[in-house]
Amino acid sequence: MQPVVMAYALYLVITVPLTVLVARTLSRHGKTFLEDVFQDKQALAHSVNQLLVVGFYLVSLGFVTLFLTSDDTVLDARDVFEMLSVKVGTVALVLGVMHVGNVLVFNGIRRKHLSHATERPAPVPPPYPGYPAPAPHPAP
């Protein structure tokens, strides 16, 4: 087998499972987070989580496959390792940035949900029977 083909195979053997591991971690912990945010809407939390995970897979695996090719000359084992270090390192950095992006999306969803929850005015209890209603404030 040519060294460059070996490098490509090793690249895929390393980066695809790495992508799956990160996606599963995001899914597991993202689901818990979203269920906490959407306590009253578990189905919505599950759907949002699944959509984020599918988007993560599509972008990540798309990048992994587009980044597969190389113009480097790979003649021996040293060249294979050098090429792999650059490629796997770049994929790891991109996955890390995507992970931070997903966390920011989760945080944005949480903030939006919490701000909507606090913007709602508390219901005013009706006056008790026989209790006089409060007098209106005079206009300035």
N, C-alpha and C. Protein backbone atom coordinates (compact mmCIF):
# COMPACT_ATOMS: atom_id res chain seq x y z
N MET A 1 0.85 -1.17 0.00
CA MET A 1 0.00 0.00 0.00
C MET A 1 0.90 1.24 0.00
N GLN A 2 0.54 2.22 -0.79
CA GLN A 2 1.31 3.45 -0.87
C GLN A 2 1.19 4.22 0.45
N PRO A 3 2.26 4.90 0.87
CA PRO A 3 2.21 5.63 2.13
C PRO A 3 1.10 6.67 2.19
N VAL A 4 0.81 7.35 1.08
CA VAL A 4 -0.25 8.36 1.11
C VAL A 4 -1.62 7.72 1.33
N VAL A 5 -1.85 6.54 0.77
CA VAL A 5 -3.11 5.84 0.98
C VAL A 5 -3.21 5.39 2.44
N MET A 6 -2.10 4.94 3.01
CA MET A 6 -2.06 4.57 4.42
C MET A 6 -2.39 5.79 5.29
N ALA A 7 -1.82 6.95 4.93
CA ALA A 7 -2.10 8.17 5.68
C ALA A 7 -3.58 8.53 5.61
N TYR A 8 -4.17 8.41 4.44
CA TYR A 8 -5.60 8.71 4.29
C TYR A 8 -6.44 7.76 5.14
N ALA A 9 -6.11 6.48 5.11
CA ALA A 9 -6.86 5.49 5.89
C ALA A 9 -6.74 5.77 7.38
N LEU A 10 -5.53 6.04 7.84
CA LEU A 10 -5.34 6.35 9.26
C LEU A 10 -6.06 7.64 9.65
N TYR A 11 -6.05 8.61 8.78
CA TYR A 11 -6.75 9.87 9.02
C TYR A 11 -8.24 9.61 9.26
N LEU A 12 -8.84 8.81 8.39
CA LEU A 12 -10.27 8.51 8.56
C LEU A 12 -10.53 7.65 9.79
N VAL A 13 -9.64 6.71 10.08
CA VAL A 13 -9.79 5.84 11.26
C VAL A 13 -9.73 6.67 12.54
N ILE A 14 -8.98 7.76 12.52
CA ILE A 14 -8.86 8.60 13.71
C ILE A 14 -9.97 9.66 13.77
N THR A 15 -10.23 10.35 12.67
CA THR A 15 -11.12 11.51 12.71
C THR A 15 -12.61 11.17 12.75
N VAL A 16 -13.01 10.10 12.09
CA VAL A 16 -14.44 9.75 12.11
C VAL A 16 -14.86 9.33 13.52
N PRO A 17 -14.15 8.42 14.20
CA PRO A 17 -14.54 8.11 15.58
C PRO A 17 -14.43 9.33 16.52
N LEU A 18 -13.45 10.20 16.28
CA LEU A 18 -13.34 11.41 17.10
C LEU A 18 -14.58 12.28 16.92
N THR A 19 -15.04 12.41 15.70
CA THR A 19 -16.26 13.18 15.41
C THR A 19 -17.47 12.55 16.10
N VAL A 20 -17.58 11.24 16.02
CA VAL A 20 -18.71 10.53 16.66
C VAL A 20 -18.66 10.71 18.17
N LEU A 21 -17.47 10.62 18.76
CA LEU A 21 -17.32 10.79 20.20
C LEU A 21 -17.76 12.18 20.64
N VAL A 22 -17.32 13.20 19.93
CA VAL A 22 -17.71 14.57 20.28
C VAL A 22 -19.22 14.75 20.10
N ALA A 23 -19.77 14.24 19.03
CA ALA A 23 -21.22 14.38 18.78
C ALA A 23 -22.03 13.67 19.86
N ARG A 24 -21.62 12.48 20.26
CA ARG A 24 -22.35 11.77 21.32
C ARG A 24 -22.27 12.51 22.65
N THR A 25 -21.10 13.07 22.93
CA THR A 25 -20.96 13.85 24.17
C THR A 25 -21.87 15.07 24.13
N LEU A 26 -21.87 15.78 23.01
CA LEU A 26 -22.76 16.93 22.86
C LEU A 26 -24.22 16.52 22.99
N SER A 27 -24.57 15.41 22.39
CA SER A 27 -25.95 14.94 22.44
C SER A 27 -26.37 14.60 23.86
N ARG A 28 -25.54 13.83 24.54
CA ARG A 28 -25.88 13.39 25.90
C ARG A 28 -26.02 14.58 26.86
N HIS A 29 -25.01 15.43 26.88
CA HIS A 29 -25.04 16.54 27.81
C HIS A 29 -25.95 17.67 27.33
N GLY A 30 -26.04 17.85 26.04
CA GLY A 30 -26.96 18.84 25.50
C GLY A 30 -28.41 18.49 25.79
N LYS A 31 -28.73 17.20 25.71
CA LYS A 31 -30.09 16.76 26.01
C LYS A 31 -30.45 17.08 27.45
N THR A 32 -29.55 16.78 28.38
CA THR A 32 -29.79 17.08 29.79
C THR A 32 -29.99 18.57 29.99
N PHE A 33 -29.14 19.36 29.36
CA PHE A 33 -29.23 20.82 29.48
C PHE A 33 -30.56 21.33 28.92
N LEU A 34 -30.92 20.88 27.72
CA LEU A 34 -32.15 21.36 27.09
C LEU A 34 -33.39 20.89 27.83
N GLU A 35 -33.36 19.69 28.40
CA GLU A 35 -34.50 19.23 29.20
C GLU A 35 -34.68 20.11 30.43
N ASP A 36 -33.59 20.60 30.99
CA ASP A 36 -33.68 21.51 32.13
C ASP A 36 -34.26 22.86 31.70
N VAL A 37 -33.84 23.34 30.54
CA VAL A 37 -34.33 24.63 30.05
C VAL A 37 -35.80 24.54 29.68
N PHE A 38 -36.17 23.49 28.93
CA PHE A 38 -37.55 23.32 28.48
C PHE A 38 -38.26 22.29 29.35
N GLN A 39 -38.36 22.56 30.62
CA GLN A 39 -38.95 21.59 31.55
C GLN A 39 -40.37 21.21 31.17
N ASP A 40 -41.10 22.16 30.66
CA ASP A 40 -42.49 21.91 30.32
C ASP A 40 -42.67 21.36 28.90
N LYS A 41 -41.58 21.28 28.13
CA LYS A 41 -41.66 20.83 26.74
C LYS A 41 -40.53 19.85 26.43
N GLN A 42 -40.65 18.64 26.93
CA GLN A 42 -39.60 17.64 26.74
C GLN A 42 -39.42 17.27 25.27
N ALA A 43 -40.52 17.20 24.53
CA ALA A 43 -40.42 16.86 23.11
C ALA A 43 -39.65 17.93 22.34
N LEU A 44 -39.86 19.18 22.69
CA LEU A 44 -39.13 20.28 22.05
C LEU A 44 -37.64 20.19 22.38
N ALA A 45 -37.31 19.89 23.62
CA ALA A 45 -35.91 19.74 24.03
C ALA A 45 -35.24 18.63 23.24
N HIS A 46 -35.93 17.51 23.09
CA HIS A 46 -35.38 16.38 22.33
C HIS A 46 -35.18 16.76 20.86
N SER A 47 -36.16 17.44 20.28
CA SER A 47 -36.07 17.83 18.86
C SER A 47 -34.94 18.81 18.62
N VAL A 48 -34.81 19.81 19.46
CA VAL A 48 -33.73 20.79 19.31
C VAL A 48 -32.38 20.10 19.43
N ASN A 49 -32.25 19.20 20.40
CA ASN A 49 -31.01 18.46 20.59
C ASN A 49 -30.66 17.64 19.35
N GLN A 50 -31.63 16.93 18.81
CA GLN A 50 -31.38 16.11 17.62
C GLN A 50 -30.99 16.97 16.42
N LEU A 51 -31.65 18.10 16.25
CA LEU A 51 -31.31 18.98 15.12
C LEU A 51 -29.89 19.52 15.25
N LEU A 52 -29.49 19.89 16.46
CA LEU A 52 -28.13 20.38 16.67
C LEU A 52 -27.10 19.27 16.40
N VAL A 53 -27.40 18.06 16.82
CA VAL A 53 -26.47 16.95 16.61
C VAL A 53 -26.35 16.61 15.12
N VAL A 54 -27.47 16.58 14.41
CA VAL A 54 -27.42 16.30 12.97
C VAL A 54 -26.61 17.38 12.25
N GLY A 55 -26.84 18.63 12.61
CA GLY A 55 -26.06 19.72 12.02
C GLY A 55 -24.58 19.58 12.32
N PHE A 56 -24.26 19.18 13.55
CA PHE A 56 -22.86 18.97 13.93
C PHE A 56 -22.23 17.88 13.08
N TYR A 57 -22.95 16.75 12.92
CA TYR A 57 -22.43 15.65 12.09
C TYR A 57 -22.20 16.09 10.65
N LEU A 58 -23.17 16.78 10.08
CA LEU A 58 -23.05 17.18 8.68
C LEU A 58 -21.86 18.11 8.46
N VAL A 59 -21.72 19.11 9.31
CA VAL A 59 -20.61 20.05 9.14
C VAL A 59 -19.28 19.37 9.43
N SER A 60 -19.22 18.60 10.52
CA SER A 60 -17.95 17.95 10.91
C SER A 60 -17.49 16.92 9.89
N LEU A 61 -18.37 16.02 9.52
CA LEU A 61 -17.97 14.99 8.56
C LEU A 61 -17.73 15.58 7.18
N GLY A 62 -18.45 16.64 6.85
CA GLY A 62 -18.17 17.34 5.59
C GLY A 62 -16.77 17.92 5.60
N PHE A 63 -16.39 18.53 6.72
CA PHE A 63 -15.03 19.07 6.82
C PHE A 63 -13.99 17.96 6.78
N VAL A 64 -14.24 16.88 7.51
CA VAL A 64 -13.29 15.75 7.53
C VAL A 64 -13.06 15.22 6.12
N THR A 65 -14.11 15.05 5.36
CA THR A 65 -13.94 14.50 4.02
C THR A 65 -13.31 15.51 3.06
N LEU A 66 -13.67 16.78 3.17
CA LEU A 66 -13.04 17.79 2.31
C LEU A 66 -11.56 17.98 2.62
N PHE A 67 -11.19 17.76 3.88
CA PHE A 67 -9.82 17.94 4.31
C PHE A 67 -8.97 16.68 4.10
N LEU A 68 -9.56 15.65 3.53
CA LEU A 68 -8.87 14.38 3.33
C LEU A 68 -7.72 14.50 2.34
N THR A 69 -7.93 15.18 1.25
CA THR A 69 -6.90 15.24 0.21
C THR A 69 -5.69 16.05 0.65
N SER A 70 -4.56 15.78 0.01
CA SER A 70 -3.34 16.48 0.35
C SER A 70 -2.43 16.55 -0.87
N ASP A 71 -1.70 17.64 -0.97
CA ASP A 71 -0.70 17.78 -2.04
C ASP A 71 0.70 17.42 -1.53
N ASP A 72 0.78 17.04 -0.25
CA ASP A 72 2.08 16.68 0.33
C ASP A 72 2.62 15.42 -0.33
N THR A 73 3.92 15.36 -0.42
CA THR A 73 4.59 14.16 -0.90
C THR A 73 4.82 13.26 0.30
N VAL A 74 4.25 12.06 0.27
CA VAL A 74 4.35 11.13 1.39
C VAL A 74 5.14 9.92 0.90
N LEU A 75 6.39 9.83 1.37
CA LEU A 75 7.28 8.76 0.91
C LEU A 75 7.56 7.70 1.96
N ASP A 76 7.50 8.10 3.24
CA ASP A 76 7.85 7.15 4.29
C ASP A 76 6.98 7.38 5.53
N ALA A 77 7.25 6.61 6.59
CA ALA A 77 6.45 6.66 7.82
C ALA A 77 6.50 8.05 8.45
N ARG A 78 7.65 8.68 8.40
CA ARG A 78 7.78 10.03 8.98
C ARG A 78 6.82 10.99 8.28
N ASP A 79 6.77 10.95 6.97
CA ASP A 79 5.85 11.81 6.22
C ASP A 79 4.40 11.51 6.57
N VAL A 80 4.09 10.23 6.78
CA VAL A 80 2.73 9.84 7.16
C VAL A 80 2.37 10.50 8.49
N PHE A 81 3.25 10.38 9.48
CA PHE A 81 2.97 10.95 10.80
C PHE A 81 2.89 12.48 10.75
N GLU A 82 3.75 13.10 9.98
CA GLU A 82 3.71 14.55 9.88
C GLU A 82 2.42 15.03 9.22
N MET A 83 2.02 14.34 8.17
CA MET A 83 0.77 14.70 7.51
C MET A 83 -0.42 14.47 8.45
N LEU A 84 -0.41 13.33 9.14
CA LEU A 84 -1.50 13.04 10.07
C LEU A 84 -1.56 14.05 11.21
N SER A 85 -0.41 14.46 11.72
CA SER A 85 -0.43 15.40 12.84
C SER A 85 -1.09 16.72 12.44
N VAL A 86 -0.80 17.18 11.24
CA VAL A 86 -1.42 18.43 10.78
C VAL A 86 -2.91 18.23 10.53
N LYS A 87 -3.26 17.16 9.87
CA LYS A 87 -4.66 16.93 9.53
C LYS A 87 -5.51 16.64 10.76
N VAL A 88 -5.07 15.73 11.62
CA VAL A 88 -5.84 15.39 12.81
C VAL A 88 -5.89 16.58 13.77
N GLY A 89 -4.78 17.30 13.90
CA GLY A 89 -4.77 18.48 14.75
C GLY A 89 -5.74 19.54 14.26
N THR A 90 -5.80 19.74 12.96
CA THR A 90 -6.74 20.71 12.41
C THR A 90 -8.17 20.27 12.64
N VAL A 91 -8.46 18.99 12.42
CA VAL A 91 -9.81 18.49 12.65
C VAL A 91 -10.17 18.64 14.13
N ALA A 92 -9.24 18.32 15.04
CA ALA A 92 -9.51 18.46 16.47
C ALA A 92 -9.82 19.92 16.83
N LEU A 93 -9.05 20.85 16.26
CA LEU A 93 -9.32 22.27 16.53
C LEU A 93 -10.69 22.69 15.98
N VAL A 94 -11.02 22.24 14.78
CA VAL A 94 -12.33 22.59 14.20
C VAL A 94 -13.45 21.98 15.04
N LEU A 95 -13.29 20.74 15.47
CA LEU A 95 -14.31 20.12 16.34
C LEU A 95 -14.43 20.88 17.65
N GLY A 96 -13.31 21.34 18.19
CA GLY A 96 -13.35 22.13 19.42
C GLY A 96 -14.10 23.44 19.22
N VAL A 97 -13.84 24.11 18.11
CA VAL A 97 -14.55 25.36 17.82
C VAL A 97 -16.04 25.08 17.64
N MET A 98 -16.36 23.99 16.96
CA MET A 98 -17.78 23.64 16.79
C MET A 98 -18.43 23.30 18.12
N HIS A 99 -17.69 22.65 18.99
CA HIS A 99 -18.21 22.33 20.33
C HIS A 99 -18.52 23.62 21.08
N VAL A 100 -17.58 24.57 21.05
CA VAL A 100 -17.82 25.86 21.71
C VAL A 100 -19.02 26.56 21.07
N GLY A 101 -19.14 26.47 19.75
CA GLY A 101 -20.30 27.04 19.07
C GLY A 101 -21.60 26.43 19.55
N ASN A 102 -21.62 25.10 19.70
CA ASN A 102 -22.83 24.44 20.20
C ASN A 102 -23.13 24.87 21.62
N VAL A 103 -22.11 24.99 22.46
CA VAL A 103 -22.34 25.44 23.84
C VAL A 103 -22.92 26.85 23.84
N LEU A 104 -22.41 27.71 22.96
CA LEU A 104 -22.96 29.06 22.87
C LEU A 104 -24.41 29.04 22.40
N VAL A 105 -24.74 28.15 21.47
CA VAL A 105 -26.13 28.02 21.03
C VAL A 105 -27.00 27.56 22.20
N PHE A 106 -26.54 26.54 22.93
CA PHE A 106 -27.29 26.07 24.10
C PHE A 106 -27.48 27.21 25.10
N ASN A 107 -26.43 27.98 25.35
CA ASN A 107 -26.51 29.08 26.30
C ASN A 107 -27.47 30.16 25.80
N GLY A 108 -27.45 30.44 24.49
CA GLY A 108 -28.39 31.41 23.93
C GLY A 108 -29.83 30.96 24.08
N ILE A 109 -30.07 29.67 23.84
CA ILE A 109 -31.42 29.12 24.03
C ILE A 109 -31.84 29.27 25.49
N ARG A 110 -30.91 28.97 26.39
CA ARG A 110 -31.21 29.06 27.82
C ARG A 110 -31.52 30.50 28.21
N ARG A 111 -30.68 31.44 27.77
CA ARG A 111 -30.91 32.85 28.11
C ARG A 111 -32.24 33.34 27.56
N LYS A 112 -32.54 32.99 26.33
CA LYS A 112 -33.80 33.42 25.72
C LYS A 112 -34.98 32.86 26.50
N HIS A 113 -34.87 31.58 26.85
CA HIS A 113 -35.95 30.95 27.59
C HIS A 113 -36.11 31.59 28.97
N LEU A 114 -35.01 31.84 29.65
CA LEU A 114 -35.08 32.45 30.98
C LEU A 114 -35.57 33.89 30.91
N SER A 115 -35.17 34.64 29.88
CA SER A 115 -35.63 36.02 29.78
C SER A 115 -37.12 36.08 29.50
N HIS A 116 -37.64 35.14 28.71
CA HIS A 116 -39.08 35.10 28.47
C HIS A 116 -39.82 34.71 29.74
N ALA A 117 -39.21 33.85 30.54
CA ALA A 117 -39.86 33.43 31.79
C ALA A 117 -39.91 34.58 32.78
N THR A 118 -38.89 35.45 32.81
CA THR A 118 -38.88 36.55 33.77
C THR A 118 -39.62 37.77 33.27
N GLU A 119 -39.87 37.88 31.96
CA GLU A 119 -40.59 39.03 31.42
C GLU A 119 -42.09 38.96 31.68
N ARG A 120 -42.59 37.79 31.90
CA ARG A 120 -44.02 37.65 32.12
C ARG A 120 -44.38 38.24 33.48
N PRO A 121 -45.35 39.15 33.51
CA PRO A 121 -45.73 39.71 34.81
C PRO A 121 -46.43 38.65 35.65
N ALA A 122 -46.18 38.75 36.93
CA ALA A 122 -46.83 37.81 37.85
C ALA A 122 -48.31 38.12 37.88
N PRO A 123 -49.14 37.09 37.89
CA PRO A 123 -50.58 37.34 37.92
C PRO A 123 -50.98 37.99 39.24
N VAL A 124 -51.87 38.96 39.14
CA VAL A 124 -52.37 39.65 40.33
C VAL A 124 -53.54 38.86 40.86
N PRO A 125 -53.48 38.48 42.13
CA PRO A 125 -54.60 37.71 42.67
C PRO A 125 -55.84 38.58 42.74
N PRO A 126 -56.98 37.97 42.49
CA PRO A 126 -58.21 38.77 42.57
C PRO A 126 -58.46 39.20 44.01
N PRO A 127 -59.08 40.35 44.17
CA PRO A 127 -59.37 40.78 45.54
C PRO A 127 -60.34 39.82 46.21
N TYR A 128 -60.19 39.73 47.50
CA TYR A 128 -61.08 38.86 48.27
C TYR A 128 -62.47 39.48 48.29
N PRO A 129 -63.48 38.64 48.36
CA PRO A 129 -64.84 39.20 48.43
C PRO A 129 -64.96 40.13 49.64
N GLY A 130 -65.51 41.27 49.41
CA GLY A 130 -65.70 42.24 50.48
C GLY A 130 -64.48 43.12 50.71
N TYR A 131 -63.36 42.83 50.03
CA TYR A 131 -62.15 43.63 50.20
C TYR A 131 -62.16 44.70 49.12
N PRO A 132 -61.97 45.96 49.48
CA PRO A 132 -62.05 47.01 48.45
C PRO A 132 -60.87 46.94 47.49
N ALA A 133 -61.16 47.22 46.25
CA ALA A 133 -60.10 47.26 45.23
C ALA A 133 -59.21 48.45 45.50
N PRO A 134 -57.91 48.34 45.18
CA PRO A 134 -57.03 49.48 45.41
C PRO A 134 -57.43 50.68 44.56
N ALA A 135 -57.24 51.86 45.13
CA ALA A 135 -57.59 53.09 44.43
C ALA A 135 -56.59 53.32 43.30
N PRO A 136 -57.06 53.83 42.16
CA PRO A 136 -56.11 54.10 41.06
C PRO A 136 -55.20 55.26 41.44
N HIS A 137 -53.98 55.21 40.90
CA HIS A 137 -53.02 56.28 41.14
C HIS A 137 -53.44 57.52 40.37
N PRO A 138 -53.31 58.68 41.02
CA PRO A 138 -53.68 59.89 40.26
C PRO A 138 -52.67 60.18 39.17
N ALA A 139 -53.15 60.73 38.09
CA ALA A 139 -52.28 61.08 36.96
C ALA A 139 -51.48 62.31 37.33
N PRO A 140 -50.21 62.39 36.95
CA PRO A 140 -49.40 63.56 37.29
C PRO A 140 -49.78 64.79 36.51
